Amino acid sequence: MTSSQDTGREQTVRPAGKLPVFKTTFAACGFLFRNWRGFAMTALVPVLLSLALDLWSREWTETSNFANFVVSLVHLVPETLFSVAWYQFYLAGPARAVPAWFPSWTSRHWRFLGYALALNFLIFAMIDGPWWYWNDAIVFVIALATIVVMLYITMRFSLIFPAISIDQVYGLARSWRLTTGNGWRIFFACWLIIIPVIILVILIEFNTFLGMGIYFYSLFPSMGLGVGGIRFLWGLSLAKEFILVLVGYGVIGICVVVTSIAYQFCTALQPPATGAGPEA
């Protein structure tokens, strides 16, 4: 359990200045790549749980928007397990917050999950809402703008998560106050990595199905799938799902470090000796 003494002393006055967007994103990416072993240990169980959930629910999520919405909320459970541990890993430092292969669920995780559900419920509702299927450009633009605003609001409240993870004082109003002047900067620091990953996911999906088509067309033109084809299809599908889940957790890991850097910046929390926070 990481205590407030392990992570430094938090000041009550927000430091002057603006959070550097590009430096923050690059520092977050660098921290994850330098500590890939810690990331692997921290993410192993949550990734497997998310993968199992995706495979189990695939039949329903492909045919029902409501099922997809519910599964998205359930995904917050393993993501909470990972995020709390990764927040501690960054804010306390790798030397103090040693990751565990099988982390335990505590009251800290319940608090984290409760706020995550509250902040993500409306976003998931907007993303999976029926208005995306209406043939009305104005409604589509309004829905898209609403999602951007809600994501910005989520960024303003995001400092509550590192605070909960390391047992510091937390609150939505306090997070909103601390992020004054840096809300959009935290937003863009996260989306600098999210947008390229969205493009990568689209390419993975496209190339996977393209490769499947070429494979079966060249090897099974008149025989059908056969046992070998079915095994290949199953293996390729499983590999694709695993890669997508792993990439998703990589994005979460980077965003966790971004909000951790923002938390240190906005609260003047003393970073650990191995921290990767950028200079203002």
C-alpha atoms as a PDB file:
ATOM      1  CA  MET A   1       0.000   0.000   0.000  1.00  0.00           C
ATOM      2  CA  THR A   2       1.446   3.337  -1.037  1.00  0.00           C
ATOM      3  CA  SER A   3       1.168   6.098   1.516  1.00  0.00           C
ATOM      4  CA  SER A   4       1.322   9.847   1.045  1.00  0.00           C
ATOM      5  CA  GLN A   5       4.739   9.832   2.697  1.00  0.00           C
ATOM      6  CA  ASP A   6       6.051   7.590  -0.068  1.00  0.00           C
ATOM      7  CA  THR A   7       5.180  10.058  -2.802  1.00  0.00           C
ATOM      8  CA  GLY A   8       6.282  13.358  -1.362  1.00  0.00           C
ATOM      9  CA  ARG A   9       4.502  16.237   0.257  1.00  0.00           C
ATOM     10  CA  GLU A  10       1.673  17.899  -1.586  1.00  0.00           C
ATOM     11  CA  GLN A  11       1.471  21.668  -1.496  1.00  0.00           C
ATOM     12  CA  THR A  12      -1.834  23.506  -1.270  1.00  0.00           C
ATOM     13  CA  VAL A  13      -0.890  26.279  -3.720  1.00  0.00           C
ATOM     14  CA  ARG A  14      -1.083  25.514  -7.424  1.00  0.00           C
ATOM     15  CA  PRO A  15       2.183  26.492  -9.130  1.00  0.00           C
ATOM     16  CA  ALA A  16       2.132  29.244 -11.732  1.00  0.00           C
ATOM     17  CA  GLY A  17       2.704  28.388 -15.379  1.00  0.00           C
ATOM     18  CA  LYS A  18       1.294  26.103 -18.019  1.00  0.00           C
ATOM     19  CA  LEU A  19       1.738  22.370 -18.410  1.00  0.00           C
ATOM     20  CA  PRO A  20       3.959  21.700 -21.469  1.00  0.00           C
ATOM     21  CA  VAL A  21       1.818  19.572 -23.788  1.00  0.00           C
ATOM     22  CA  PHE A  22       4.381  17.922 -26.076  1.00  0.00           C
ATOM     23  CA  LYS A  23       6.981  17.415 -23.356  1.00  0.00           C
ATOM     24  CA  THR A  24       4.364  15.828 -21.137  1.00  0.00           C
ATOM     25  CA  THR A  25       3.255  13.377 -23.831  1.00  0.00           C
ATOM     26  CA  PHE A  26       6.819  12.460 -24.798  1.00  0.00           C
ATOM     27  CA  ALA A  27       7.803  12.062 -21.138  1.00  0.00           C
ATOM     28  CA  ALA A  28       4.819   9.759 -20.565  1.00  0.00           C
ATOM     29  CA  CYS A  29       5.673   7.609 -23.591  1.00  0.00           C
ATOM     30  CA  GLY A  30       9.314   7.478 -22.558  1.00  0.00           C
ATOM     31  CA  PHE A  31       8.450   6.398 -19.026  1.00  0.00           C
ATOM     32  CA  LEU A  32       6.313   3.519 -20.272  1.00  0.00           C
ATOM     33  CA  PHE A  33       8.947   2.271 -22.727  1.00  0.00           C
ATOM     34  CA  ARG A  34      11.765   2.546 -20.180  1.00  0.00           C
ATOM     35  CA  ASN A  35       9.701   0.637 -17.620  1.00  0.00           C
ATOM     36  CA  TRP A  36       8.160  -1.941 -19.937  1.00  0.00           C
ATOM     37  CA  ARG A  37       8.850  -4.755 -17.479  1.00  0.00           C
ATOM     38  CA  GLY A  38       6.899  -2.975 -14.770  1.00  0.00           C
ATOM     39  CA  PHE A  39       4.147  -2.266 -17.282  1.00  0.00           C
ATOM     40  CA  ALA A  40       4.028  -5.945 -18.294  1.00  0.00           C
ATOM     41  CA  MET A  41       3.719  -7.098 -14.684  1.00  0.00           C
ATOM     42  CA  THR A  42       1.113  -4.475 -13.851  1.00  0.00           C
ATOM     43  CA  ALA A  43      -0.972  -5.081 -16.973  1.00  0.00           C
ATOM     44  CA  LEU A  44      -0.768  -8.878 -17.250  1.00  0.00           C
ATOM     45  CA  VAL A  45      -3.838  -9.860 -15.233  1.00  0.00           C
ATOM     46  CA  PRO A  46      -5.996  -6.889 -16.361  1.00  0.00           C
ATOM     47  CA  VAL A  47      -5.140  -7.560 -20.027  1.00  0.00           C
ATOM     48  CA  LEU A  48      -6.095 -11.223 -19.700  1.00  0.00           C
ATOM     49  CA  LEU A  49      -9.333 -10.303 -17.931  1.00  0.00           C
ATOM     50  CA  SER A  50     -10.218  -7.772 -20.639  1.00  0.00           C
ATOM     51  CA  LEU A  51      -9.350 -10.251 -23.385  1.00  0.00           C
ATOM     52  CA  ALA A  52     -11.541 -12.927 -21.789  1.00  0.00           C
ATOM     53  CA  LEU A  53     -14.379 -10.407 -21.450  1.00  0.00           C
ATOM     54  CA  ASP A  54     -14.081  -9.416 -25.113  1.00  0.00           C
ATOM     55  CA  LEU A  55     -14.082 -13.019 -26.310  1.00  0.00           C
ATOM     56  CA  TRP A  56     -16.985 -14.004 -24.050  1.00  0.00           C
ATOM     57  CA  SER A  57     -19.142 -11.024 -25.006  1.00  0.00           C
ATOM     58  CA  ARG A  58     -18.331 -10.859 -28.716  1.00  0.00           C
ATOM     59  CA  GLU A  59     -21.578 -12.513 -29.781  1.00  0.00           C
ATOM     60  CA  TRP A  60     -23.674  -9.876 -27.983  1.00  0.00           C
ATOM     61  CA  THR A  61     -21.555  -6.775 -28.592  1.00  0.00           C
ATOM     62  CA  GLU A  62     -21.529  -7.302 -32.353  1.00  0.00           C
ATOM     63  CA  THR A  63     -25.322  -7.228 -32.534  1.00  0.00           C
ATOM     64  CA  SER A  64     -26.411  -4.959 -29.678  1.00  0.00           C
ATOM     65  CA  ASN A  65     -25.387  -1.393 -28.877  1.00  0.00           C
ATOM     66  CA  PHE A  66     -26.718  -1.793 -25.351  1.00  0.00           C
ATOM     67  CA  ALA A  67     -24.588  -4.903 -24.774  1.00  0.00           C
ATOM     68  CA  ASN A  68     -21.560  -3.023 -26.086  1.00  0.00           C
ATOM     69  CA  PHE A  69     -22.341  -0.199 -23.669  1.00  0.00           C
ATOM     70  CA  VAL A  70     -22.620  -2.555 -20.689  1.00  0.00           C
ATOM     71  CA  VAL A  71     -19.415  -4.397 -21.591  1.00  0.00           C
ATOM     72  CA  SER A  72     -17.600  -1.064 -21.906  1.00  0.00           C
ATOM     73  CA  LEU A  73     -18.558  -0.274 -18.320  1.00  0.00           C
ATOM     74  CA  VAL A  74     -17.533  -3.749 -17.111  1.00  0.00           C
ATOM     75  CA  HIS A  75     -14.140  -3.194 -18.741  1.00  0.00           C
ATOM     76  CA  LEU A  76     -13.555  -0.467 -16.164  1.00  0.00           C
ATOM     77  CA  VAL A  77     -13.008  -3.154 -13.508  1.00  0.00           C
ATOM     78  CA  PRO A  78      -9.744  -4.609 -14.925  1.00  0.00           C
ATOM     79  CA  GLU A  79      -8.762  -1.146 -16.134  1.00  0.00           C
ATOM     80  CA  THR A  80      -9.137   0.137 -12.569  1.00  0.00           C
ATOM     81  CA  LEU A  81      -6.961  -2.705 -11.301  1.00  0.00           C
ATOM     82  CA  PHE A  82      -4.244  -1.682 -13.752  1.00  0.00           C
ATOM     83  CA  SER A  83      -4.600   2.093 -13.414  1.00  0.00           C
ATOM     84  CA  VAL A  84      -4.286   2.195  -9.628  1.00  0.00           C
ATOM     85  CA  ALA A  85      -1.134   0.071  -9.727  1.00  0.00           C
ATOM     86  CA  TRP A  86       0.369   2.102 -12.578  1.00  0.00           C
ATOM     87  CA  TYR A  87      -0.395   5.419 -10.849  1.00  0.00           C
ATOM     88  CA  GLN A  88       1.419   4.108  -7.789  1.00  0.00           C
ATOM     89  CA  PHE A  89       4.294   2.835  -9.928  1.00  0.00           C
ATOM     90  CA  TYR A  90       4.852   6.286 -11.408  1.00  0.00           C
ATOM     91  CA  LEU A  91       4.085   8.542  -8.453  1.00  0.00           C
ATOM     92  CA  ALA A  92       5.954   6.502  -5.856  1.00  0.00           C
ATOM     93  CA  GLY A  93       8.736   5.482  -8.190  1.00  0.00           C
ATOM     94  CA  PRO A  94       9.634   1.983  -9.442  1.00  0.00           C
ATOM     95  CA  ALA A  95      11.964   1.442  -6.480  1.00  0.00           C
ATOM     96  CA  ARG A  96       9.105   1.861  -3.973  1.00  0.00           C
ATOM     97  CA  ALA A  97       5.986   0.699  -5.795  1.00  0.00           C
ATOM     98  CA  VAL A  98       7.080  -2.762  -6.893  1.00  0.00           C
ATOM     99  CA  PRO A  99       4.400  -4.186  -9.227  1.00  0.00           C
ATOM    100  CA  ALA A 100       2.734  -7.487  -8.409  1.00  0.00           C
ATOM    101  CA  TRP A 101       1.651 -10.162 -10.836  1.00  0.00           C
ATOM    102  CA  PHE A 102      -1.625 -10.621  -8.932  1.00  0.00           C
ATOM    103  CA  PRO A 103      -2.627  -7.301  -7.334  1.00  0.00           C
ATOM    104  CA  SER A 104      -5.298  -7.327  -4.647  1.00  0.00           C
ATOM    105  CA  TRP A 105      -8.539  -5.352  -4.812  1.00  0.00           C
ATOM    106  CA  THR A 106      -8.915  -2.821  -1.982  1.00  0.00           C
ATOM    107  CA  SER A 107     -11.264  -0.043  -0.889  1.00  0.00           C
ATOM    108  CA  ARG A 108      -9.048   2.313  -2.883  1.00  0.00           C
ATOM    109  CA  HIS A 109     -10.061   0.462  -6.047  1.00  0.00           C
ATOM    110  CA  TRP A 110     -13.762   0.778  -5.189  1.00  0.00           C
ATOM    111  CA  ARG A 111     -13.408   4.554  -4.834  1.00  0.00           C
ATOM    112  CA  PHE A 112     -11.476   4.742  -8.085  1.00  0.00           C
ATOM    113  CA  LEU A 113     -14.026   2.580  -9.913  1.00  0.00           C
ATOM    114  CA  GLY A 114     -16.951   4.588  -8.559  1.00  0.00           C
ATOM    115  CA  TYR A 115     -15.608   7.856  -9.928  1.00  0.00           C
ATOM    116  CA  ALA A 116     -14.561   6.179 -13.189  1.00  0.00           C
ATOM    117  CA  LEU A 117     -18.089   4.855 -13.703  1.00  0.00           C
ATOM    118  CA  ALA A 118     -19.605   8.240 -12.934  1.00  0.00           C
ATOM    119  CA  LEU A 119     -17.322  10.111 -15.347  1.00  0.00           C
ATOM    120  CA  ASN A 120     -17.462   7.529 -18.135  1.00  0.00           C
ATOM    121  CA  PHE A 121     -21.143   6.638 -18.046  1.00  0.00           C
ATOM    122  CA  LEU A 122     -22.312   9.660 -20.024  1.00  0.00           C
ATOM    123  CA  ILE A 123     -19.377   9.448 -22.433  1.00  0.00           C
ATOM    124  CA  PHE A 124     -20.137   5.803 -23.230  1.00  0.00           C
ATOM    125  CA  ALA A 125     -23.818   6.695 -23.539  1.00  0.00           C
ATOM    126  CA  MET A 126     -22.969   9.423 -26.033  1.00  0.00           C
ATOM    127  CA  ILE A 127     -20.607   7.223 -28.060  1.00  0.00           C
ATOM    128  CA  ASP A 128     -23.059   4.320 -28.261  1.00  0.00           C
ATOM    129  CA  GLY A 129     -26.169   6.490 -28.538  1.00  0.00           C
ATOM    130  CA  PRO A 130     -28.727   6.099 -31.348  1.00  0.00           C
ATOM    131  CA  TRP A 131     -28.043   9.575 -32.748  1.00  0.00           C
ATOM    132  CA  TRP A 132     -24.951   8.273 -34.547  1.00  0.00           C
ATOM    133  CA  TYR A 133     -27.320   6.403 -36.861  1.00  0.00           C
ATOM    134  CA  TRP A 134     -29.560   9.356 -37.646  1.00  0.00           C
ATOM    135  CA  ASN A 135     -29.138  10.789 -41.127  1.00  0.00           C
ATOM    136  CA  ASP A 136     -28.919  14.334 -39.846  1.00  0.00           C
ATOM    137  CA  ALA A 137     -25.628  16.212 -40.165  1.00  0.00           C
ATOM    138  CA  ILE A 138     -26.609  18.813 -37.578  1.00  0.00           C
ATOM    139  CA  VAL A 139     -27.415  16.191 -34.932  1.00  0.00           C
ATOM    140  CA  PHE A 140     -24.139  14.415 -35.704  1.00  0.00           C
ATOM    141  CA  VAL A 141     -22.087  17.613 -35.302  1.00  0.00           C
ATOM    142  CA  ILE A 142     -23.870  18.497 -32.049  1.00  0.00           C
ATOM    143  CA  ALA A 143     -23.271  14.990 -30.665  1.00  0.00           C
ATOM    144  CA  LEU A 144     -19.593  15.130 -31.657  1.00  0.00           C
ATOM    145  CA  ALA A 145     -19.145  18.562 -30.074  1.00  0.00           C
ATOM    146  CA  THR A 146     -20.880  17.337 -26.921  1.00  0.00           C
ATOM    147  CA  ILE A 147     -18.469  14.409 -26.654  1.00  0.00           C
ATOM    148  CA  VAL A 148     -15.469  16.745 -26.976  1.00  0.00           C
ATOM    149  CA  VAL A 149     -16.843  18.977 -24.226  1.00  0.00           C
ATOM    150  CA  MET A 150     -17.533  15.986 -21.992  1.00  0.00           C
ATOM    151  CA  LEU A 151     -14.017  14.645 -22.575  1.00  0.00           C
ATOM    152  CA  TYR A 152     -12.656  18.066 -21.609  1.00  0.00           C
ATOM    153  CA  ILE A 153     -14.723  18.017 -18.425  1.00  0.00           C
ATOM    154  CA  THR A 154     -13.378  14.537 -17.701  1.00  0.00           C
ATOM    155  CA  MET A 155      -9.829  15.879 -18.067  1.00  0.00           C
ATOM    156  CA  ARG A 156     -10.644  18.637 -15.570  1.00  0.00           C
ATOM    157  CA  PHE A 157     -11.765  15.975 -13.102  1.00  0.00           C
ATOM    158  CA  SER A 158      -8.933  13.561 -13.944  1.00  0.00           C
ATOM    159  CA  LEU A 159      -6.639  14.584 -11.073  1.00  0.00           C
ATOM    160  CA  ILE A 160      -8.958  12.787  -8.698  1.00  0.00           C
ATOM    161  CA  PHE A 161      -7.576   9.445  -9.913  1.00  0.00           C
ATOM    162  CA  PRO A 162      -3.889   9.870  -9.026  1.00  0.00           C
ATOM    163  CA  ALA A 163      -4.965  11.359  -5.698  1.00  0.00           C
ATOM    164  CA  ILE A 164      -7.114   8.319  -4.881  1.00  0.00           C
ATOM    165  CA  SER A 165      -4.380   5.926  -6.003  1.00  0.00           C
ATOM    166  CA  ILE A 166      -1.813   7.301  -3.546  1.00  0.00           C
ATOM    167  CA  ASP A 167      -4.234   8.164  -0.719  1.00  0.00           C
ATOM    168  CA  GLN A 168      -4.026  11.932  -1.047  1.00  0.00           C
ATOM    169  CA  VAL A 169      -6.827  14.439  -0.527  1.00  0.00           C
ATOM    170  CA  TYR A 170      -9.228  14.223  -3.457  1.00  0.00           C
ATOM    171  CA  GLY A 171     -12.485  15.687  -4.738  1.00  0.00           C
ATOM    172  CA  LEU A 172     -14.087  16.699  -8.023  1.00  0.00           C
ATOM    173  CA  ALA A 173     -14.208  20.384  -7.062  1.00  0.00           C
ATOM    174  CA  ARG A 174     -10.581  20.271  -5.982  1.00  0.00           C
ATOM    175  CA  SER A 175      -9.514  18.665  -9.272  1.00  0.00           C
ATOM    176  CA  TRP A 176     -11.460  21.258 -11.236  1.00  0.00           C
ATOM    177  CA  ARG A 177      -9.792  24.046  -9.299  1.00  0.00           C
ATOM    178  CA  LEU A 178      -6.285  22.615  -9.670  1.00  0.00           C
ATOM    179  CA  THR A 179      -6.601  22.169 -13.441  1.00  0.00           C
ATOM    180  CA  THR A 180      -7.678  25.771 -14.045  1.00  0.00           C
ATOM    181  CA  GLY A 181      -5.691  27.008 -17.016  1.00  0.00           C
ATOM    182  CA  ASN A 182      -4.406  23.528 -17.881  1.00  0.00           C
ATOM    183  CA  GLY A 183      -7.574  21.602 -18.741  1.00  0.00           C
ATOM    184  CA  TRP A 184      -7.118  21.760 -22.501  1.00  0.00           C
ATOM    185  CA  ARG A 185      -3.398  21.085 -22.117  1.00  0.00           C
ATOM    186  CA  ILE A 186      -4.085  17.831 -20.278  1.00  0.00           C
ATOM    187  CA  PHE A 187      -6.722  17.033 -22.910  1.00  0.00           C
ATOM    188  CA  PHE A 188      -4.330  17.543 -25.840  1.00  0.00           C
ATOM    189  CA  ALA A 189      -1.446  15.785 -24.056  1.00  0.00           C
ATOM    190  CA  CYS A 190      -3.616  12.653 -23.877  1.00  0.00           C
ATOM    191  CA  TRP A 191      -5.026  12.945 -27.378  1.00  0.00           C
ATOM    192  CA  LEU A 192      -1.601  13.338 -28.930  1.00  0.00           C
ATOM    193  CA  ILE A 193      -1.201   9.619 -28.281  1.00  0.00           C
ATOM    194  CA  ILE A 194      -4.855   8.557 -28.581  1.00  0.00           C
ATOM    195  CA  ILE A 195      -5.347   9.795 -32.169  1.00  0.00           C
ATOM    196  CA  PRO A 196      -2.336   7.921 -33.651  1.00  0.00           C
ATOM    197  CA  VAL A 197      -3.420   4.785 -31.802  1.00  0.00           C
ATOM    198  CA  ILE A 198      -6.939   5.052 -33.256  1.00  0.00           C
ATOM    199  CA  ILE A 199      -5.350   5.131 -36.720  1.00  0.00           C
ATOM    200  CA  LEU A 200      -3.172   2.139 -35.779  1.00  0.00           C
ATOM    201  CA  VAL A 201      -6.216   0.171 -34.598  1.00  0.00           C
ATOM    202  CA  ILE A 202      -8.016   0.865 -37.892  1.00  0.00           C
ATOM    203  CA  LEU A 203      -4.966  -0.376 -39.814  1.00  0.00           C
ATOM    204  CA  ILE A 204      -4.764  -3.509 -37.656  1.00  0.00           C
ATOM    205  CA  GLU A 205      -8.434  -4.265 -38.284  1.00  0.00           C
ATOM    206  CA  PHE A 206      -8.103  -3.648 -42.045  1.00  0.00           C
ATOM    207  CA  ASN A 207      -4.866  -5.598 -42.515  1.00  0.00           C
ATOM    208  CA  THR A 208      -6.133  -8.512 -40.431  1.00  0.00           C
ATOM    209  CA  PHE A 209      -9.224  -9.059 -42.560  1.00  0.00           C
ATOM    210  CA  LEU A 210      -7.282  -8.355 -45.771  1.00  0.00           C
ATOM    211  CA  GLY A 211      -4.684 -10.952 -44.775  1.00  0.00           C
ATOM    212  CA  MET A 212      -7.393 -13.479 -43.946  1.00  0.00           C
ATOM    213  CA  GLY A 213      -8.984 -12.988 -47.355  1.00  0.00           C
ATOM    214  CA  ILE A 214      -5.705 -13.390 -49.247  1.00  0.00           C
ATOM    215  CA  TYR A 215      -4.775 -16.465 -47.212  1.00  0.00           C
ATOM    216  CA  PHE A 216      -8.010 -18.339 -47.830  1.00  0.00           C
ATOM    217  CA  TYR A 217      -8.247 -17.278 -51.460  1.00  0.00           C
ATOM    218  CA  SER A 218      -4.765 -18.584 -52.219  1.00  0.00           C
ATOM    219  CA  LEU A 219      -4.774 -21.773 -50.115  1.00  0.00           C
ATOM    220  CA  PHE A 220      -8.417 -22.818 -50.036  1.00  0.00           C
ATOM    221  CA  PRO A 221      -9.927 -21.722 -53.376  1.00  0.00           C
ATOM    222  CA  SER A 222     -12.047 -24.825 -53.853  1.00  0.00           C
ATOM    223  CA  MET A 223     -11.696 -26.796 -50.616  1.00  0.00           C
ATOM    224  CA  GLY A 224     -13.447 -24.445 -48.236  1.00  0.00           C
ATOM    225  CA  LEU A 225     -11.873 -23.601 -44.916  1.00  0.00           C
ATOM    226  CA  GLY A 226     -10.935 -27.049 -43.717  1.00  0.00           C
ATOM    227  CA  VAL A 227      -9.416 -27.803 -40.338  1.00  0.00           C
ATOM    228  CA  GLY A 228      -6.237 -25.850 -41.048  1.00  0.00           C
ATOM    229  CA  GLY A 229      -8.158 -22.831 -42.234  1.00  0.00           C
ATOM    230  CA  ILE A 230     -10.420 -22.828 -39.191  1.00  0.00           C
ATOM    231  CA  ARG A 231      -7.446 -23.067 -36.841  1.00  0.00           C
ATOM    232  CA  PHE A 232      -5.677 -20.278 -38.665  1.00  0.00           C
ATOM    233  CA  LEU A 233      -8.783 -18.109 -38.548  1.00  0.00           C
ATOM    234  CA  TRP A 234      -9.237 -18.705 -34.814  1.00  0.00           C
ATOM    235  CA  GLY A 235      -5.567 -18.052 -34.060  1.00  0.00           C
ATOM    236  CA  LEU A 236      -5.462 -14.889 -36.148  1.00  0.00           C
ATOM    237  CA  SER A 237      -8.636 -13.583 -34.533  1.00  0.00           C
ATOM    238  CA  LEU A 238      -7.289 -14.299 -31.043  1.00  0.00           C
ATOM    239  CA  ALA A 239      -3.954 -12.643 -31.862  1.00  0.00           C
ATOM    240  CA  LYS A 240      -5.748  -9.593 -33.205  1.00  0.00           C
ATOM    241  CA  GLU A 241      -7.912  -9.288 -30.098  1.00  0.00           C
ATOM    242  CA  PHE A 242      -4.872  -9.638 -27.846  1.00  0.00           C
ATOM    243  CA  ILE A 243      -2.936  -6.967 -29.756  1.00  0.00           C
ATOM    244  CA  LEU A 244      -5.879  -4.568 -29.644  1.00  0.00           C
ATOM    245  CA  VAL A 245      -6.353  -5.077 -25.895  1.00  0.00           C
ATOM    246  CA  LEU A 246      -2.628  -4.662 -25.264  1.00  0.00           C
ATOM    247  CA  VAL A 247      -2.513  -1.478 -27.346  1.00  0.00           C
ATOM    248  CA  GLY A 248      -5.504  -0.187 -25.398  1.00  0.00           C
ATOM    249  CA  TYR A 249      -3.727  -0.746 -22.106  1.00  0.00           C
ATOM    250  CA  GLY A 250      -0.653   0.942 -23.502  1.00  0.00           C
ATOM    251  CA  VAL A 251      -2.759   4.029 -24.188  1.00  0.00           C
ATOM    252  CA  ILE A 252      -4.254   3.863 -20.698  1.00  0.00           C
ATOM    253  CA  GLY A 253      -0.745   3.544 -19.273  1.00  0.00           C
ATOM    254  CA  ILE A 254       0.468   6.631 -21.120  1.00  0.00           C
ATOM    255  CA  CYS A 255      -2.627   8.640 -20.149  1.00  0.00           C
ATOM    256  CA  VAL A 256      -2.111   7.586 -16.516  1.00  0.00           C
ATOM    257  CA  VAL A 257       1.419   8.983 -16.635  1.00  0.00           C
ATOM    258  CA  VAL A 258       0.169  12.166 -18.345  1.00  0.00           C
ATOM    259  CA  THR A 259      -2.361  12.782 -15.574  1.00  0.00           C
ATOM    260  CA  SER A 260       0.282  11.870 -12.977  1.00  0.00           C
ATOM    261  CA  ILE A 261       2.639  14.498 -14.409  1.00  0.00           C
ATOM    262  CA  ALA A 262      -0.252  16.985 -14.450  1.00  0.00           C
ATOM    263  CA  TYR A 263      -1.035  16.063 -10.838  1.00  0.00           C
ATOM    264  CA  GLN A 264       2.564  16.697  -9.796  1.00  0.00           C
ATOM    265  CA  PHE A 265       2.598  19.955 -11.750  1.00  0.00           C
ATOM    266  CA  CYS A 266      -0.694  21.286 -10.400  1.00  0.00           C
ATOM    267  CA  THR A 267      -0.150  20.279  -6.770  1.00  0.00           C
ATOM    268  CA  ALA A 268       3.632  20.763  -6.557  1.00  0.00           C
ATOM    269  CA  LEU A 269       3.854  17.157  -5.397  1.00  0.00           C
ATOM    270  CA  GLN A 270       7.506  16.223  -5.163  1.00  0.00           C
ATOM    271  CA  PRO A 271       8.206  13.643  -7.904  1.00  0.00           C
ATOM    272  CA  PRO A 272      10.219  10.515  -7.168  1.00  0.00           C
ATOM    273  CA  ALA A 273      13.913  10.427  -8.026  1.00  0.00           C
ATOM    274  CA  THR A 274      13.184   8.399 -11.166  1.00  0.00           C
ATOM    275  CA  GLY A 275      10.174  10.444 -12.249  1.00  0.00           C
ATOM    276  CA  ALA A 276       9.786  11.524 -15.865  1.00  0.00           C
ATOM    277  CA  GLY A 277       7.951  14.789 -15.406  1.00  0.00           C
ATOM    278  CA  PRO A 278       8.949  17.531 -17.838  1.00  0.00           C
ATOM    279  CA  GLU A 279      10.236  20.892 -16.834  1.00  0.00           C
ATOM    280  CA  ALA A 280       7.773  23.751 -17.061  1.00  0.00           C
END
